[in-house]
Amino acid sequence: MSFKEGFAEENNVKIAYRDYGPDDAEPILLVHGLGAQLVHWPDHLINFLIENNYRPITFDNRDAGLSSRFSAKPSFTLDYLKYYLRLPMSSEYTLKDMSKDAIAVLNTLDIKKAHIFGTSMGGMIAQIICSMFADRVKSFTLVASTASVPGPFNGPTREVQDVMLQRSKMTNPTLEDVYQREIKWVSLIGMEGRDLETDEFREEVIANYNRAKDKADGYGYARQLLAILASKNRIKRVKAIKAPTLIIHGEQDPIINVKNAYKMKKLIPQSKLKIIPNMRHLIEEEILDQFKEDLLTHLKQ
């Protein structure tokens, strides 16, 4: 598939983006999750959107991929203690700042209004986009996300928390370190029984590793995670969302429990909810097949 790439720059922050075009199709801005690069969006989702006359636009959040990196070095022990004691936390930037990065991409491409599709942390950022910048939003699709700040007892499973903490501490990782980490991570949050010991998966991990701007900086992931944990609940913002909203969530999600999806359904006026029984946290092709017609109907409203 063809695409154009560039950078959106506002307030000394450069955000790398990829525009799949065509220019006359309906733009849909995809906002990704914690630690993800724009290349982590699955081809089957991008192709499905293009085939149905949509214009997917993806980007690297700050502190990921080719976008600007920041400088703070979070104190893992202190921040983890604050997390467990539910004490106030501070971060170098906020999810609100990250929502402005997304708007910067639309501004650079001279797009007045777009469909917004956010997953996980990207869904949290997208909630702010849809409430603060309502005039820029055609519709909202929220996947595997929440308006609440994840806590130690209402957030990820302990096994997932352990892997996230290990990644936050990982600096100067080798390619093999990253490969083994990705196998463990995807086995936890992807569809159960998926075979990851394949040449295709390894080649994908290598390509993503080589693309990253600063491979030695494990703090980028930690800074993003801290931005999530230091944020306030978005209950009031979410209640103010007026855009037509489709909520997709996996019944088996180990990062954001499915009960959050039911809560989001109550918070967002006139939203629609689809729970997928065998979905965890990722959008594999078999998962997309179960909601792609719902998505198409939603986008065409």
Protein backbone atom coordinates (compact mmCIF):
# COMPACT_ATOMS: atom_id res chain seq x y z
CA MET A 1 0.00 0.00 0.00
CA SER A 2 1.18 3.53 -0.72
CA PHE A 3 1.40 6.42 1.73
CA LYS A 4 2.98 9.81 2.34
CA GLU A 5 5.00 10.60 5.45
CA GLY A 6 5.98 13.81 7.19
CA PHE A 7 6.14 15.68 10.47
CA ALA A 8 3.68 17.95 12.22
CA GLU A 9 5.46 20.48 14.41
CA GLU A 10 3.86 22.70 17.04
CA ASN A 11 5.32 24.05 20.30
CA ASN A 12 8.72 22.53 19.46
CA VAL A 13 7.27 19.01 19.36
CA LYS A 14 7.65 17.02 16.13
CA ILE A 15 5.09 14.30 15.46
CA ALA A 16 5.80 11.79 12.71
CA TYR A 17 2.73 10.85 10.66
CA ARG A 18 1.75 8.59 7.78
CA ASP A 19 -1.09 9.50 5.44
CA TYR A 20 -2.47 6.60 3.39
CA GLY A 21 -4.73 8.81 1.27
CA PRO A 22 -6.39 9.32 -1.08
CA ASP A 23 -6.97 13.01 -0.38
CA ASP A 24 -10.61 12.91 -1.48
CA ALA A 25 -11.55 10.03 0.85
CA GLU A 26 -13.03 10.43 4.35
CA PRO A 27 -10.13 11.05 6.79
CA ILE A 28 -9.90 8.83 9.86
CA LEU A 29 -7.23 9.58 12.46
CA LEU A 30 -5.93 6.51 14.29
CA VAL A 31 -4.53 7.16 17.78
CA HIS A 32 -2.41 4.33 19.15
CA GLY A 33 -1.58 3.06 22.63
CA LEU A 34 1.24 2.92 25.13
CA GLY A 35 4.68 2.47 23.55
CA ALA A 36 3.27 1.76 20.09
CA GLN A 37 4.63 3.17 16.85
CA LEU A 38 2.42 4.04 13.88
CA VAL A 39 3.65 0.85 12.18
CA HIS A 40 1.94 -1.20 14.89
CA TRP A 41 -1.46 -0.57 13.30
CA PRO A 42 -2.31 -3.86 11.57
CA ASP A 43 -2.39 -3.92 7.78
CA HIS A 44 -5.78 -5.64 7.77
CA LEU A 45 -7.35 -2.63 9.52
CA ILE A 46 -5.63 -0.08 7.27
CA ASN A 47 -6.59 -2.03 4.13
CA PHE A 48 -10.19 -2.43 5.27
CA LEU A 49 -10.52 1.34 5.72
CA ILE A 50 -8.90 2.14 2.37
CA GLU A 51 -11.07 -0.39 0.55
CA ASN A 52 -14.16 1.35 1.94
CA ASN A 53 -13.10 4.82 0.79
CA TYR A 54 -11.56 6.06 4.02
CA ARG A 55 -8.25 7.85 4.39
CA PRO A 56 -6.30 6.38 7.34
CA ILE A 57 -3.87 8.76 9.02
CA THR A 58 -1.56 7.30 11.65
CA PHE A 59 1.15 8.90 13.79
CA ASP A 60 3.78 8.24 16.43
CA ASN A 61 2.77 9.64 19.80
CA ARG A 62 5.46 11.75 21.46
CA ASP A 63 8.19 9.55 22.97
CA ALA A 64 7.58 6.81 20.39
CA GLY A 65 8.86 5.94 16.92
CA LEU A 66 10.26 8.96 15.06
CA SER A 67 8.48 11.64 17.10
CA SER A 68 10.11 13.97 19.64
CA ARG A 69 11.64 12.43 22.74
CA PHE A 70 11.52 14.04 26.15
CA SER A 71 14.08 14.08 28.92
CA ALA A 72 12.66 13.08 32.33
CA LYS A 73 13.89 9.85 33.90
CA PRO A 74 11.06 8.58 36.10
CA SER A 75 11.92 7.03 39.45
CA PHE A 76 10.47 3.55 39.04
CA THR A 77 10.51 2.61 42.72
CA LEU A 78 9.00 5.87 43.94
CA ASP A 79 6.38 6.07 41.19
CA TYR A 80 5.37 2.42 41.62
CA LEU A 81 4.96 3.03 45.36
CA LYS A 82 2.79 6.08 44.67
CA TYR A 83 0.75 4.01 42.22
CA TYR A 84 0.01 1.35 44.83
CA LEU A 85 -0.77 3.89 47.55
CA ARG A 86 -2.93 5.93 45.13
CA LEU A 87 -0.86 9.04 45.84
CA PRO A 88 -0.75 12.01 43.40
CA MET A 89 1.78 11.61 40.60
CA SER A 90 3.35 14.16 38.27
CA SER A 91 4.51 13.75 34.69
CA GLU A 92 6.57 15.72 32.17
CA TYR A 93 3.53 16.00 29.90
CA THR A 94 -0.13 15.05 30.01
CA LEU A 95 -2.64 13.17 27.90
CA LYS A 96 -4.10 16.59 27.08
CA ASP A 97 -0.73 17.58 25.56
CA MET A 98 -0.80 14.37 23.54
CA SER A 99 -4.29 15.18 22.25
CA LYS A 100 -2.93 18.49 20.95
CA ASP A 101 -0.25 16.53 19.06
CA ALA A 102 -3.02 14.68 17.24
CA ILE A 103 -4.72 17.95 16.33
CA ALA A 104 -1.36 19.23 15.06
CA VAL A 105 -1.32 16.35 12.57
CA LEU A 106 -4.77 17.32 11.29
CA ASN A 107 -3.68 20.96 11.07
CA THR A 108 -0.57 20.04 9.06
CA LEU A 109 -2.68 18.05 6.60
CA ASP A 110 -5.27 20.86 6.46
CA ILE A 111 -8.05 18.52 7.60
CA LYS A 112 -10.93 20.35 9.25
CA LYS A 113 -12.85 17.31 10.52
CA ALA A 114 -12.00 13.61 10.80
CA HIS A 115 -13.31 10.38 12.22
CA ILE A 116 -11.34 9.54 15.38
CA PHE A 117 -10.35 5.94 16.17
CA GLY A 118 -8.45 5.41 19.43
CA THR A 119 -7.27 2.27 21.17
CA SER A 120 -6.00 1.78 24.73
CA MET A 121 -3.98 4.89 25.74
CA GLY A 122 -4.89 6.23 22.31
CA GLY A 123 -8.52 5.89 23.35
CA MET A 124 -7.81 8.02 26.41
CA ILE A 125 -6.18 10.67 24.21
CA ALA A 126 -9.08 10.40 21.75
CA GLN A 127 -11.60 11.04 24.55
CA ILE A 128 -9.91 14.40 25.14
CA ILE A 129 -9.86 15.16 21.40
CA CYS A 130 -13.59 14.46 21.15
CA SER A 131 -14.47 16.62 24.15
CA MET A 132 -12.01 19.53 23.72
CA PHE A 133 -11.99 19.70 19.94
CA ALA A 134 -15.55 18.60 19.15
CA ASP A 135 -15.70 20.74 16.00
CA ARG A 136 -12.88 18.62 14.50
CA VAL A 137 -14.65 15.27 15.04
CA LYS A 138 -17.04 13.42 12.69
CA SER A 139 -17.35 10.24 14.74
CA PHE A 140 -15.57 8.44 17.56
CA THR A 141 -14.56 4.79 17.76
CA LEU A 142 -13.19 3.75 21.15
CA VAL A 143 -11.38 0.41 21.43
CA ALA A 144 -10.13 -1.25 24.63
CA SER A 145 -10.00 1.91 26.71
CA THR A 146 -11.36 3.66 29.81
CA ALA A 147 -12.14 7.06 31.33
CA SER A 148 -10.78 5.98 34.71
CA VAL A 149 -7.17 6.13 35.84
CA PRO A 150 -6.01 2.48 36.02
CA GLY A 151 -5.28 1.52 39.62
CA PRO A 152 -3.40 -1.46 41.08
CA PHE A 153 -6.68 -3.23 41.90
CA ASN A 154 -8.94 -2.14 39.01
CA GLY A 155 -6.37 -2.06 36.22
CA PRO A 156 -4.13 -4.61 34.46
CA THR A 157 -3.67 -8.13 35.79
CA ARG A 158 -0.62 -8.61 38.00
CA GLU A 159 1.19 -10.50 35.23
CA VAL A 160 0.60 -7.62 32.80
CA GLN A 161 1.70 -5.08 35.43
CA ASP A 162 4.97 -6.97 35.91
CA VAL A 163 5.78 -6.90 32.19
CA MET A 164 4.91 -3.19 31.96
CA LEU A 165 7.17 -2.43 34.91
CA GLN A 166 10.01 -4.46 33.39
CA ARG A 167 9.68 -2.56 30.12
CA SER A 168 9.67 0.78 31.97
CA LYS A 169 13.03 -0.19 33.51
CA MET A 170 14.55 -1.49 30.27
CA THR A 171 17.26 0.81 28.90
CA ASN A 172 19.72 -0.06 26.12
CA PRO A 173 17.79 -3.21 25.13
CA THR A 174 19.32 -5.47 22.51
CA LEU A 175 17.27 -6.71 19.60
CA GLU A 176 17.00 -10.11 21.27
CA ASP A 177 15.79 -8.43 24.50
CA VAL A 178 13.05 -6.67 22.55
CA TYR A 179 12.11 -9.82 20.62
CA GLN A 180 11.69 -11.91 23.79
CA ARG A 181 9.78 -9.08 25.46
CA GLU A 182 7.40 -8.81 22.51
CA ILE A 183 6.70 -12.54 22.47
CA LYS A 184 5.81 -12.42 26.17
CA TRP A 185 3.76 -9.23 25.80
CA VAL A 186 1.72 -10.26 22.77
CA SER A 187 1.10 -13.71 24.25
CA LEU A 188 -0.50 -11.94 27.23
CA ILE A 189 -2.60 -9.34 25.41
CA GLY A 190 -3.23 -10.98 22.03
CA MET A 191 -5.62 -13.77 21.12
CA GLU A 192 -5.14 -16.92 23.13
CA GLY A 193 -3.27 -19.65 21.29
CA ARG A 194 -1.69 -17.37 18.69
CA ASP A 195 1.60 -18.80 17.37
CA LEU A 196 4.29 -16.13 17.70
CA GLU A 197 7.30 -18.32 16.95
CA THR A 198 7.19 -17.42 13.26
CA ASP A 199 9.60 -15.76 10.82
CA GLU A 200 6.93 -13.17 10.06
CA PHE A 201 6.59 -12.08 13.69
CA ARG A 202 10.36 -11.91 14.18
CA GLU A 203 10.83 -9.86 10.99
CA GLU A 204 8.10 -7.47 12.15
CA VAL A 205 9.80 -6.98 15.53
CA ILE A 206 13.17 -6.37 13.84
CA ALA A 207 11.69 -3.79 11.44
CA ASN A 208 9.95 -1.94 14.27
CA TYR A 209 13.11 -2.03 16.41
CA ASN A 210 15.21 -0.61 13.57
CA ARG A 211 12.69 2.15 12.88
CA ALA A 212 12.64 3.53 16.44
CA LYS A 213 14.38 6.88 16.82
CA ASP A 214 16.13 6.11 20.10
CA LYS A 215 16.44 2.39 20.78
CA ALA A 216 18.38 2.96 24.00
CA ASP A 217 15.69 5.08 25.65
CA GLY A 218 13.42 2.86 27.73
CA TYR A 219 12.28 5.99 29.52
CA GLY A 220 9.98 7.01 26.64
CA TYR A 221 7.62 4.17 27.50
CA ALA A 222 7.85 5.07 31.20
CA ARG A 223 7.06 8.73 30.50
CA GLN A 224 3.96 7.77 28.52
CA LEU A 225 2.88 5.40 31.28
CA LEU A 226 3.36 8.15 33.85
CA ALA A 227 1.23 10.51 31.75
CA ILE A 228 -1.60 7.95 32.04
CA LEU A 229 -1.20 7.37 35.77
CA ALA A 230 -0.82 11.07 36.57
CA SER A 231 -3.95 12.03 34.63
CA LYS A 232 -7.27 12.70 36.28
CA ASN A 233 -10.41 10.72 35.56
CA ARG A 234 -12.05 12.02 32.37
CA ILE A 235 -15.63 11.45 33.56
CA LYS A 236 -16.82 15.02 32.95
CA ARG A 237 -15.05 15.24 29.60
CA VAL A 238 -16.49 11.94 28.42
CA LYS A 239 -20.02 12.94 29.40
CA ALA A 240 -19.61 16.00 27.14
CA ILE A 241 -18.80 13.96 24.01
CA LYS A 242 -21.43 14.62 21.35
CA ALA A 243 -19.95 12.71 18.42
CA PRO A 244 -21.58 9.41 17.42
CA THR A 245 -19.58 6.83 19.37
CA LEU A 246 -18.94 3.11 18.90
CA ILE A 247 -17.26 1.27 21.80
CA ILE A 248 -15.43 -1.99 21.09
CA HIS A 249 -14.00 -4.08 23.92
CA GLY A 250 -12.72 -7.59 24.49
CA GLU A 251 -14.40 -9.70 27.12
CA GLN A 252 -10.99 -11.14 28.04
CA ASP A 253 -8.99 -7.88 28.10
CA PRO A 254 -6.19 -8.27 30.71
CA ILE A 255 -5.11 -4.61 30.58
CA ILE A 256 -8.42 -2.77 30.81
CA ASN A 257 -11.17 -4.90 32.31
CA VAL A 258 -14.34 -5.20 30.25
CA LYS A 259 -16.38 -3.57 33.03
CA ASN A 260 -14.84 -0.28 31.88
CA ALA A 261 -16.60 -0.66 28.52
CA TYR A 262 -20.01 -0.87 30.18
CA LYS A 263 -19.15 2.21 32.21
CA MET A 264 -18.13 4.09 29.05
CA LYS A 265 -21.43 3.12 27.45
CA LYS A 266 -23.30 4.78 30.33
CA LEU A 267 -21.10 7.89 30.25
CA ILE A 268 -21.16 8.70 26.53
CA PRO A 269 -24.61 9.82 25.35
CA GLN A 270 -26.17 7.65 22.64
CA SER A 271 -23.09 5.46 22.28
CA LYS A 272 -23.17 1.88 21.03
CA LEU A 273 -21.27 -0.99 22.61
CA LYS A 274 -19.98 -4.24 21.12
CA ILE A 275 -18.31 -6.81 23.35
CA ILE A 276 -16.19 -9.42 21.58
CA PRO A 277 -15.96 -12.73 23.51
CA ASN A 278 -12.53 -13.95 22.32
CA MET A 279 -10.83 -10.54 22.13
CA ARG A 280 -8.16 -9.55 24.60
CA HIS A 281 -6.51 -6.19 23.86
CA LEU A 282 -5.35 -6.35 20.24
CA ILE A 283 -7.15 -6.05 16.89
CA GLU A 284 -6.14 -9.25 15.10
CA GLU A 285 -7.76 -10.01 11.76
CA GLU A 286 -10.14 -12.54 13.36
CA ILE A 287 -11.19 -9.81 15.83
CA LEU A 288 -11.68 -7.15 13.15
CA ASP A 289 -13.90 -9.58 11.23
CA GLN A 290 -16.29 -9.56 14.20
CA PHE A 291 -16.80 -5.80 14.28
CA LYS A 292 -15.89 -4.44 10.83
CA GLU A 293 -19.50 -4.25 9.64
CA ASP A 294 -20.47 -2.43 12.86
CA LEU A 295 -17.56 -0.05 12.26
CA LEU A 296 -18.59 0.59 8.66
CA THR A 297 -22.20 1.29 9.62
CA HIS A 298 -20.98 3.62 12.37
CA LEU A 299 -18.63 5.57 10.08
CA LYS A 300 -21.33 5.95 7.42
CA GLN A 301 -23.83 7.56 9.79
